[in-house]
Amino acid sequence: MSEIRDINLAPAGEMKIAWAQKNMPVLSVLHAVFEKEQPFSGVKISLSIHLEAKTAYLCRVLKSGGAVMSVTGSNPLSTQDDVAAALAENGISVYAWHGASAQEYARHLSMALENGPDIVMDDGADLSEALHTRDRQKAANVIGACEETTTGLMRFRAREKSGALEFPVIAVNDADCKHLFDNRYGTGQSVWDGIMRTTNLLIAGKTVVVAGYGWCGKGVALRAKGLGAQVVVTETDAVRALEAAMDGYDVMTMDRASCLGDIFVTVTGCSDVIAGRHFAGMKNGAILANAGHFNVEVNIKELEEMAQSSYTARNNITAYDLGEKEICVLAEGRLVNLAAGDGHPAEIMDLSFALQALSVKYLLQNKGKLENKVYKVPKEIDRYVAELKLKALGIGIDTLTDAQKKYMYGE
């Protein structure tokens, strides 16, 4: 039994999923392997990942391997109702719809846990947080979890540090085939896709302020530079700030950058990155977008308190009238690439979701052997995914001779 917006939207969702499938060759290899080997036979998986076409194909790949899937979204504005309908029509339990209220979103998370999951797949750790708090009674059978994002891992590692983590977690985000590609190239492209399709404005010639220079921030800054923007980076980490400076960007505090930027993109994982004192100094027409997981990086509450009024200037754009100027916020300050776009390209999510699927298999193979800690994805899984992707791209690479191995490793 699913709780979705409209099952009649399924045909449109099927078309989106079919397109994603065609462009996810690594996951398609795993689909064939899992269908044959049935590694997840009878395993109950609860999944909370942005509910769009690439995620839907991941769900079907796991189901083909015997998994019993229970699915919800990981952001109220990133769920695509037609995709949710297509999954529900295909026999997967789905609890999500676009624009869910905070209460509806929490209820859908709990509904996705009703099956008493063996494995949890998270993007932001919302399912796992529920299992550690209000839905603790449903955590009894959990073998482990897989986490997709930097933000989610921050929450898991905080629990591990305090001794409150109830099951082992695989840090999918930290795998090379995830953060080097998904965070940098995926975020870099999808954030600007979301901003440009939402605003229909030129990027060239504008000053773009990127808050945060982790892997995601690197990608956002690189693509902004490629589009012809003057890029300013703000950071709290001295090493990352130095790296940004040596990459050719202007580096300064947000207090200083706030009066210079035409477009601001937050990608830090922290709260109140842009707040009241920054709004006060901004240009008329400044555009604010968030690319961090939670909608806390731009302090919308303070902006609302400062504004005389607000109105919808365009779909997914709220304009706040501060008297002498307007400030525009995209997608309510939520993840702009998913709340106002289709998320990362399919070829990028092919890597990330292959890691997710193989990490689930790893957890099952190591049931009872892992402590309640956060673990890295095994290197052999990372390499296997990279090898499959290279093969799909028709790229061959060199291999070491026995003499070279002896020289390098003493073998």
Protein backbone atom coordinates (compact mmCIF):
# COMPACT_ATOMS: atom_id res chain seq x y z
CA MET A 1 0.00 0.00 0.00
CA SER A 2 1.53 3.30 -1.08
CA GLU A 3 0.76 6.92 -0.24
CA ILE A 4 1.45 9.00 -3.34
CA ARG A 5 -0.10 11.95 -5.13
CA ASP A 6 -1.67 10.33 -8.20
CA ILE A 7 -1.17 6.83 -9.65
CA ASN A 8 -2.36 8.12 -13.05
CA LEU A 9 0.94 9.97 -13.42
CA ALA A 10 2.80 6.66 -13.77
CA PRO A 11 3.26 6.72 -17.60
CA ALA A 12 5.15 10.03 -17.43
CA GLY A 13 7.31 8.62 -14.65
CA GLU A 14 8.04 5.47 -16.66
CA MET A 15 9.38 7.59 -19.50
CA LYS A 16 11.79 9.38 -17.13
CA ILE A 17 12.98 6.11 -15.59
CA ALA A 18 13.54 4.53 -19.00
CA TRP A 19 15.74 7.45 -20.03
CA ALA A 20 17.78 7.22 -16.83
CA GLN A 21 18.20 3.46 -17.27
CA LYS A 22 19.61 3.91 -20.78
CA ASN A 23 22.28 6.20 -19.37
CA MET A 24 23.27 4.18 -16.30
CA PRO A 25 25.36 1.28 -17.70
CA VAL A 26 27.10 0.33 -14.44
CA LEU A 27 23.83 -0.05 -12.59
CA SER A 28 22.52 -2.05 -15.55
CA VAL A 29 25.42 -4.51 -15.21
CA LEU A 30 24.52 -4.93 -11.54
CA HIS A 31 20.86 -5.34 -12.50
CA ALA A 32 21.75 -8.40 -14.61
CA VAL A 33 24.01 -9.84 -11.90
CA PHE A 34 21.49 -9.32 -9.09
CA GLU A 35 18.63 -10.73 -11.13
CA LYS A 36 20.61 -13.93 -11.60
CA GLU A 37 22.16 -14.28 -8.13
CA GLN A 38 19.28 -12.89 -5.97
CA PRO A 39 21.61 -11.57 -3.22
CA PHE A 40 18.80 -9.62 -1.51
CA SER A 41 16.16 -12.35 -1.50
CA GLY A 42 13.62 -11.46 1.19
CA VAL A 43 15.74 -8.60 2.54
CA LYS A 44 13.65 -5.61 3.65
CA ILE A 45 15.20 -2.32 2.54
CA SER A 46 13.92 1.10 3.58
CA LEU A 47 15.21 3.89 1.34
CA SER A 48 15.12 7.67 1.73
CA ILE A 49 16.83 9.28 -1.25
CA HIS A 50 15.66 12.12 -3.51
CA LEU A 51 12.77 10.44 -5.28
CA GLU A 52 13.37 11.00 -8.98
CA ALA A 53 14.20 8.84 -12.00
CA LYS A 54 17.74 7.73 -11.12
CA THR A 55 16.68 6.73 -7.62
CA ALA A 56 13.73 4.85 -9.08
CA TYR A 57 16.05 2.78 -11.26
CA LEU A 58 18.20 1.98 -8.21
CA CYS A 59 15.06 0.76 -6.43
CA ARG A 60 14.21 -1.49 -9.37
CA VAL A 61 17.74 -2.88 -9.50
CA LEU A 62 17.56 -3.82 -5.82
CA LYS A 63 14.08 -5.28 -6.28
CA SER A 64 15.37 -7.39 -9.18
CA GLY A 65 17.82 -8.95 -6.69
CA GLY A 66 14.99 -10.00 -4.39
CA ALA A 67 14.76 -6.99 -2.08
CA VAL A 68 11.44 -5.91 -0.57
CA MET A 69 11.56 -2.16 -1.07
CA SER A 70 9.90 0.53 1.04
CA VAL A 71 10.66 3.98 -0.34
CA THR A 72 10.28 7.63 0.60
CA GLY A 73 11.95 10.90 -0.42
CA SER A 74 14.71 12.81 1.37
CA ASN A 75 13.44 16.33 0.65
CA PRO A 76 9.83 17.53 0.34
CA LEU A 77 10.54 19.46 -2.85
CA SER A 78 12.68 16.90 -4.68
CA THR A 79 10.07 14.17 -4.97
CA GLN A 80 8.68 13.85 -8.49
CA ASP A 81 5.09 12.64 -8.28
CA ASP A 82 5.12 10.91 -11.67
CA VAL A 83 8.21 8.88 -10.72
CA ALA A 84 6.67 7.95 -7.37
CA ALA A 85 3.56 6.76 -9.22
CA ALA A 86 5.61 4.65 -11.64
CA LEU A 87 7.38 2.90 -8.75
CA ALA A 88 4.13 2.29 -6.89
CA GLU A 89 2.54 0.82 -10.01
CA ASN A 90 5.56 -1.48 -10.32
CA GLY A 91 4.90 -3.10 -6.93
CA ILE A 92 7.20 -1.01 -4.74
CA SER A 93 5.79 0.59 -1.58
CA VAL A 94 6.16 4.37 -1.90
CA TYR A 95 5.34 7.01 0.69
CA ALA A 96 6.08 10.47 -0.69
CA TRP A 97 4.72 13.38 -2.63
CA HIS A 98 6.02 16.71 -3.82
CA GLY A 99 5.51 19.63 -1.48
CA ALA A 100 4.90 17.54 1.63
CA SER A 101 4.44 19.52 4.84
CA ALA A 102 6.85 18.89 7.71
CA GLN A 103 4.24 16.65 9.34
CA GLU A 104 3.56 14.72 6.12
CA TYR A 105 7.29 14.30 5.48
CA ALA A 106 7.84 12.88 8.99
CA ARG A 107 4.84 10.57 8.59
CA HIS A 108 6.16 9.26 5.28
CA LEU A 109 9.54 8.52 6.87
CA SER A 110 7.82 6.50 9.59
CA MET A 111 5.65 4.69 7.05
CA ALA A 112 8.77 3.68 5.11
CA LEU A 113 10.04 2.05 8.32
CA GLU A 114 6.86 0.09 9.03
CA ASN A 115 8.38 -2.98 7.39
CA GLY A 116 10.99 -3.29 10.17
CA PRO A 117 13.94 -2.89 7.77
CA ASP A 118 17.03 -5.07 7.56
CA ILE A 119 18.92 -2.36 5.65
CA VAL A 120 18.49 1.42 5.58
CA MET A 121 19.60 3.54 2.62
CA ASP A 122 19.80 7.22 3.51
CA ASP A 123 20.49 10.59 1.92
CA GLY A 124 20.84 13.00 4.82
CA ALA A 125 20.25 10.37 7.56
CA ASP A 126 16.58 11.22 8.12
CA LEU A 127 15.46 7.58 8.20
CA SER A 128 18.24 6.63 10.58
CA GLU A 129 17.56 9.62 12.81
CA ALA A 130 13.96 8.45 13.05
CA LEU A 131 15.18 4.98 14.01
CA HIS A 132 17.31 6.51 16.75
CA THR A 133 14.48 8.68 18.09
CA ARG A 134 10.72 8.44 17.52
CA ASP A 135 10.78 5.10 15.67
CA ARG A 136 13.28 3.23 17.85
CA GLN A 137 10.98 0.22 18.12
CA LYS A 138 11.49 -0.39 14.38
CA ALA A 139 15.30 -0.58 14.64
CA ALA A 140 15.55 -4.07 16.12
CA ASN A 141 16.39 -5.91 12.88
CA VAL A 142 18.62 -3.28 11.24
CA ILE A 143 21.86 -4.85 9.98
CA GLY A 144 23.29 -1.53 8.82
CA ALA A 145 22.83 1.63 6.79
CA CYS A 146 24.36 3.26 3.72
CA GLU A 147 24.69 7.05 3.66
CA GLU A 148 24.89 9.14 0.49
CA THR A 149 25.82 12.63 1.70
CA THR A 150 28.37 14.65 3.65
CA THR A 151 25.59 16.10 5.78
CA GLY A 152 24.24 12.68 6.68
CA LEU A 153 27.68 11.42 7.65
CA MET A 154 28.11 14.39 9.98
CA ARG A 155 25.02 13.21 11.84
CA PHE A 156 26.17 9.58 11.92
CA ARG A 157 29.68 10.46 13.09
CA ALA A 158 28.27 12.64 15.86
CA ARG A 159 26.28 9.62 17.07
CA GLU A 160 29.31 7.36 16.81
CA LYS A 161 31.41 9.83 18.80
CA SER A 162 28.81 9.98 21.57
CA GLY A 163 28.40 6.18 21.61
CA ALA A 164 24.79 6.43 20.47
CA LEU A 165 25.01 4.80 17.03
CA GLU A 166 22.76 1.74 16.93
CA PHE A 167 24.10 0.00 13.80
CA PRO A 168 27.07 0.08 11.38
CA VAL A 169 27.06 2.62 8.56
CA ILE A 170 28.80 2.56 5.19
CA ALA A 171 30.01 6.03 4.20
CA VAL A 172 29.12 5.87 0.51
CA ASN A 173 29.76 9.62 0.21
CA ASP A 174 33.44 9.16 1.06
CA ALA A 175 34.17 6.63 -1.69
CA ASP A 176 36.39 7.98 -4.45
CA CYS A 177 33.83 7.09 -7.12
CA LYS A 178 31.29 9.17 -5.22
CA HIS A 179 32.83 12.38 -3.93
CA LEU A 180 35.35 12.86 -6.74
CA PHE A 181 32.63 12.71 -9.38
CA ASP A 182 29.16 13.11 -7.83
CA ASN A 183 30.12 15.93 -5.47
CA ARG A 184 32.34 17.79 -7.93
CA TYR A 185 30.99 17.22 -11.43
CA GLY A 186 27.44 16.23 -10.51
CA THR A 187 26.86 19.13 -8.14
CA GLY A 188 28.77 21.54 -10.38
CA GLN A 189 26.52 20.85 -13.35
CA SER A 190 23.18 20.27 -11.65
CA VAL A 191 23.33 23.36 -9.43
CA TRP A 192 23.81 25.64 -12.43
CA ASP A 193 21.17 23.72 -14.36
CA GLY A 194 18.73 24.43 -11.51
CA ILE A 195 19.71 28.09 -11.22
CA MET A 196 19.64 28.80 -14.95
CA ARG A 197 16.37 27.02 -15.74
CA THR A 198 14.73 28.75 -12.77
CA THR A 199 15.96 32.29 -13.39
CA ASN A 200 16.51 32.29 -17.18
CA LEU A 201 19.32 34.78 -16.53
CA LEU A 202 22.84 35.13 -17.88
CA ILE A 203 25.71 33.97 -15.66
CA ALA A 204 28.54 35.50 -17.69
CA GLY A 205 29.69 38.85 -16.32
CA LYS A 206 28.06 38.37 -12.92
CA THR A 207 29.80 37.95 -9.56
CA VAL A 208 29.05 34.56 -8.04
CA VAL A 209 29.76 33.94 -4.36
CA VAL A 210 30.29 30.28 -3.47
CA ALA A 211 30.14 29.56 0.25
CA GLY A 212 32.21 26.47 0.99
CA TYR A 213 35.07 24.93 -0.97
CA GLY A 214 34.70 21.23 -0.33
CA TRP A 215 34.26 18.89 -3.29
CA CYS A 216 30.78 20.26 -4.01
CA GLY A 217 31.94 23.85 -3.71
CA LYS A 218 34.86 23.14 -6.04
CA GLY A 219 32.43 21.91 -8.68
CA VAL A 220 30.06 24.86 -8.31
CA ALA A 221 32.92 27.36 -8.53
CA LEU A 222 34.52 25.62 -11.52
CA ARG A 223 31.30 25.65 -13.54
CA ALA A 224 30.56 29.27 -12.59
CA LYS A 225 34.00 30.23 -13.84
CA GLY A 226 33.40 28.30 -17.05
CA LEU A 227 30.13 30.19 -17.58
CA GLY A 228 32.02 33.47 -17.45
CA ALA A 229 31.35 34.59 -13.89
CA GLN A 230 33.72 36.36 -11.53
CA VAL A 231 33.91 33.86 -8.67
CA VAL A 232 34.34 34.68 -4.98
CA VAL A 233 34.79 31.88 -2.43
CA THR A 234 34.08 32.13 1.30
CA GLU A 235 35.45 29.52 3.69
CA THR A 236 36.08 28.77 7.38
CA ASP A 237 38.80 26.18 6.71
CA ALA A 238 42.24 27.73 6.14
CA VAL A 239 43.52 24.93 3.89
CA ARG A 240 40.45 25.01 1.64
CA ALA A 241 40.57 28.79 1.50
CA LEU A 242 44.22 28.64 0.41
CA GLU A 243 43.34 26.02 -2.20
CA ALA A 244 40.59 28.26 -3.58
CA ALA A 245 43.01 31.19 -3.78
CA MET A 246 45.55 29.08 -5.67
CA ASP A 247 42.79 27.89 -8.00
CA GLY A 248 42.43 31.52 -9.02
CA TYR A 249 39.37 32.63 -7.06
CA ASP A 250 38.95 35.69 -4.86
CA VAL A 251 38.68 34.54 -1.25
CA MET A 252 37.15 36.68 1.47
CA THR A 253 34.67 36.70 4.34
CA MET A 254 30.93 36.56 3.68
CA ASP A 255 30.62 39.93 5.42
CA ARG A 256 32.74 41.43 2.66
CA ALA A 257 31.39 39.28 -0.20
CA SER A 258 27.73 39.98 0.64
CA CYS A 259 27.85 43.43 -0.98
CA LEU A 260 29.61 42.15 -4.12
CA GLY A 261 27.62 39.12 -5.21
CA ASP A 262 24.94 38.94 -7.86
CA ILE A 263 24.34 35.21 -7.20
CA PHE A 264 25.10 33.37 -3.96
CA VAL A 265 25.38 29.58 -3.68
CA THR A 266 25.77 28.00 -0.24
CA VAL A 267 27.29 24.54 -0.12
CA THR A 268 28.71 24.11 3.39
CA GLY A 269 26.48 21.74 5.37
CA CYS A 270 26.35 24.40 8.11
CA SER A 271 23.60 26.74 9.31
CA ASP A 272 23.22 30.53 9.02
CA VAL A 273 25.93 30.91 6.39
CA ILE A 274 23.98 33.86 4.99
CA ALA A 275 21.98 35.75 7.62
CA GLY A 276 20.53 39.14 8.53
CA ARG A 277 23.71 41.21 8.49
CA HIS A 278 24.49 39.87 5.02
CA PHE A 279 21.03 40.61 3.60
CA ALA A 280 21.37 44.20 4.74
CA GLY A 281 24.40 44.82 2.53
CA MET A 282 23.31 42.94 -0.60
CA LYS A 283 22.66 44.42 -4.02
CA ASN A 284 19.15 44.94 -5.31
CA GLY A 285 18.10 41.77 -7.11
CA ALA A 286 20.67 39.50 -5.46
CA ILE A 287 19.83 35.83 -5.99
CA LEU A 288 20.31 33.26 -3.22
CA ALA A 289 20.51 29.52 -3.87
CA ASN A 290 21.38 26.67 -1.54
CA ALA A 291 23.15 23.49 -2.60
CA GLY A 292 23.55 22.00 0.89
CA HIS A 293 21.29 19.16 2.00
CA PHE A 294 19.15 21.04 4.54
CA ASN A 295 17.45 24.42 4.14
CA VAL A 296 19.36 26.04 7.01
CA GLU A 297 22.28 27.64 5.18
CA VAL A 298 20.30 30.74 4.20
CA ASN A 299 18.44 32.10 7.21
CA ILE A 300 15.02 32.54 5.61
CA LYS A 301 13.38 33.41 8.94
CA GLU A 302 15.58 36.48 9.38
CA LEU A 303 14.99 37.49 5.76
CA GLU A 304 11.22 37.23 6.28
CA GLU A 305 11.47 39.37 9.41
CA MET A 306 13.46 42.05 7.55
CA ALA A 307 11.17 42.08 4.50
CA GLN A 308 8.15 44.36 4.16
CA SER A 309 6.51 41.76 1.96
CA SER A 310 7.27 38.86 -0.35
CA TYR A 311 5.78 37.45 -3.53
CA THR A 312 6.32 34.73 -6.13
CA ALA A 313 8.37 36.38 -8.85
CA ARG A 314 8.56 33.24 -10.98
CA ASN A 315 8.12 29.54 -10.38
CA ASN A 316 10.54 28.55 -7.60
CA ILE A 317 11.60 32.18 -6.99
CA THR A 318 10.42 34.11 -3.93
CA ALA A 319 11.22 37.84 -3.99
CA TYR A 320 11.56 39.61 -0.64
CA ASP A 321 10.91 43.38 -0.64
CA LEU A 322 13.26 45.13 1.81
CA GLY A 323 12.08 48.60 0.81
CA GLU A 324 15.07 49.95 -1.08
CA LYS A 325 15.78 46.59 -2.72
CA GLU A 326 14.60 43.05 -3.41
CA ILE A 327 16.39 39.81 -2.63
CA CYS A 328 15.36 36.62 -4.45
CA VAL A 329 15.52 33.13 -2.94
CA LEU A 330 15.35 30.05 -5.15
CA ALA A 331 13.36 26.93 -4.17
CA GLU A 332 12.63 28.13 -0.62
CA GLY A 333 16.32 27.79 0.24
CA ARG A 334 16.20 24.03 -0.33
CA LEU A 335 18.54 22.04 -2.56
CA VAL A 336 18.35 24.06 -5.76
CA ASN A 337 19.54 21.30 -8.07
CA LEU A 338 16.73 18.96 -6.99
CA ALA A 339 13.99 21.30 -5.76
CA ALA A 340 14.30 23.35 -8.96
CA GLY A 341 15.80 20.76 -11.31
CA ASP A 342 16.33 17.06 -11.99
CA GLY A 343 19.43 16.60 -9.85
CA HIS A 344 22.73 15.17 -10.96
CA PRO A 345 23.19 13.75 -14.47
CA ALA A 346 22.30 10.08 -14.88
CA GLU A 347 25.89 9.11 -15.77
CA ILE A 348 27.10 10.53 -12.44
CA MET A 349 24.42 8.85 -10.33
CA ASP A 350 25.29 5.62 -12.12
CA LEU A 351 28.50 5.59 -10.08
CA SER A 352 26.98 6.68 -6.78
CA PHE A 353 24.07 4.27 -6.91
CA ALA A 354 26.28 1.36 -7.98
CA LEU A 355 28.28 2.05 -4.81
CA GLN A 356 25.04 2.12 -2.81
CA ALA A 357 23.87 -1.22 -4.21
CA LEU A 358 27.22 -2.93 -3.64
CA SER A 359 27.46 -1.47 -0.13
CA VAL A 360 24.09 -3.05 0.71
CA LYS A 361 25.47 -6.37 -0.48
CA TYR A 362 28.60 -5.84 1.63
CA LEU A 363 26.53 -5.17 4.76
CA LEU A 364 24.58 -8.39 4.23
CA GLN A 365 27.74 -10.41 3.62
CA ASN A 366 29.23 -9.06 6.85
CA LYS A 367 26.15 -9.31 9.06
CA GLY A 368 27.18 -9.52 12.71
CA LYS A 369 30.86 -8.81 11.95
CA LEU A 370 30.77 -5.00 11.97
CA GLU A 371 30.73 -2.74 15.01
CA ASN A 372 28.34 0.19 15.36
CA LYS A 373 30.72 2.53 13.57
CA VAL A 374 30.99 4.48 10.32
CA TYR A 375 33.00 2.49 7.75
CA LYS A 376 34.54 3.48 4.45
CA VAL A 377 33.44 1.70 1.28
CA PRO A 378 35.97 -1.11 0.69
CA LYS A 379 38.55 -0.16 -1.93
CA GLU A 380 37.77 -3.24 -4.03
CA ILE A 381 34.16 -2.01 -4.44
CA ASP A 382 35.40 1.45 -5.45
CA ARG A 383 37.77 -0.04 -8.02
CA TYR A 384 35.15 -2.42 -9.39
CA VAL A 385 32.72 0.45 -10.01
CA ALA A 386 35.44 2.49 -11.71
CA GLU A 387 36.40 -0.47 -13.91
CA LEU A 388 32.78 -1.01 -14.97
CA LYS A 389 32.42 2.67 -15.82
CA LEU A 390 35.62 2.73 -17.87
CA LYS A 391 34.46 -0.34 -19.77
CA ALA A 392 31.12 1.33 -20.49
CA LEU A 393 32.97 4.37 -21.81
CA GLY A 394 35.19 2.22 -24.02
CA ILE A 395 38.33 3.30 -22.19
CA GLY A 396 41.27 0.95 -21.68
CA ILE A 397 44.06 1.52 -19.16
CA ASP A 398 47.53 0.10 -18.57
CA THR A 399 48.28 -2.69 -16.10
CA LEU A 400 51.48 -3.15 -14.15
CA THR A 401 53.89 -5.88 -15.22
CA ASP A 402 55.22 -8.29 -12.60
CA ALA A 403 58.50 -6.37 -12.59
CA GLN A 404 56.66 -3.07 -12.04
CA LYS A 405 54.64 -4.57 -9.18
CA LYS A 406 57.86 -5.76 -7.55
CA TYR A 407 59.39 -2.30 -7.96
CA MET A 408 56.32 -0.52 -6.60
CA TYR A 409 55.17 -2.87 -3.88
CA GLY A 410 58.01 -5.33 -3.34
CA GLU A 411 55.84 -8.23 -4.49
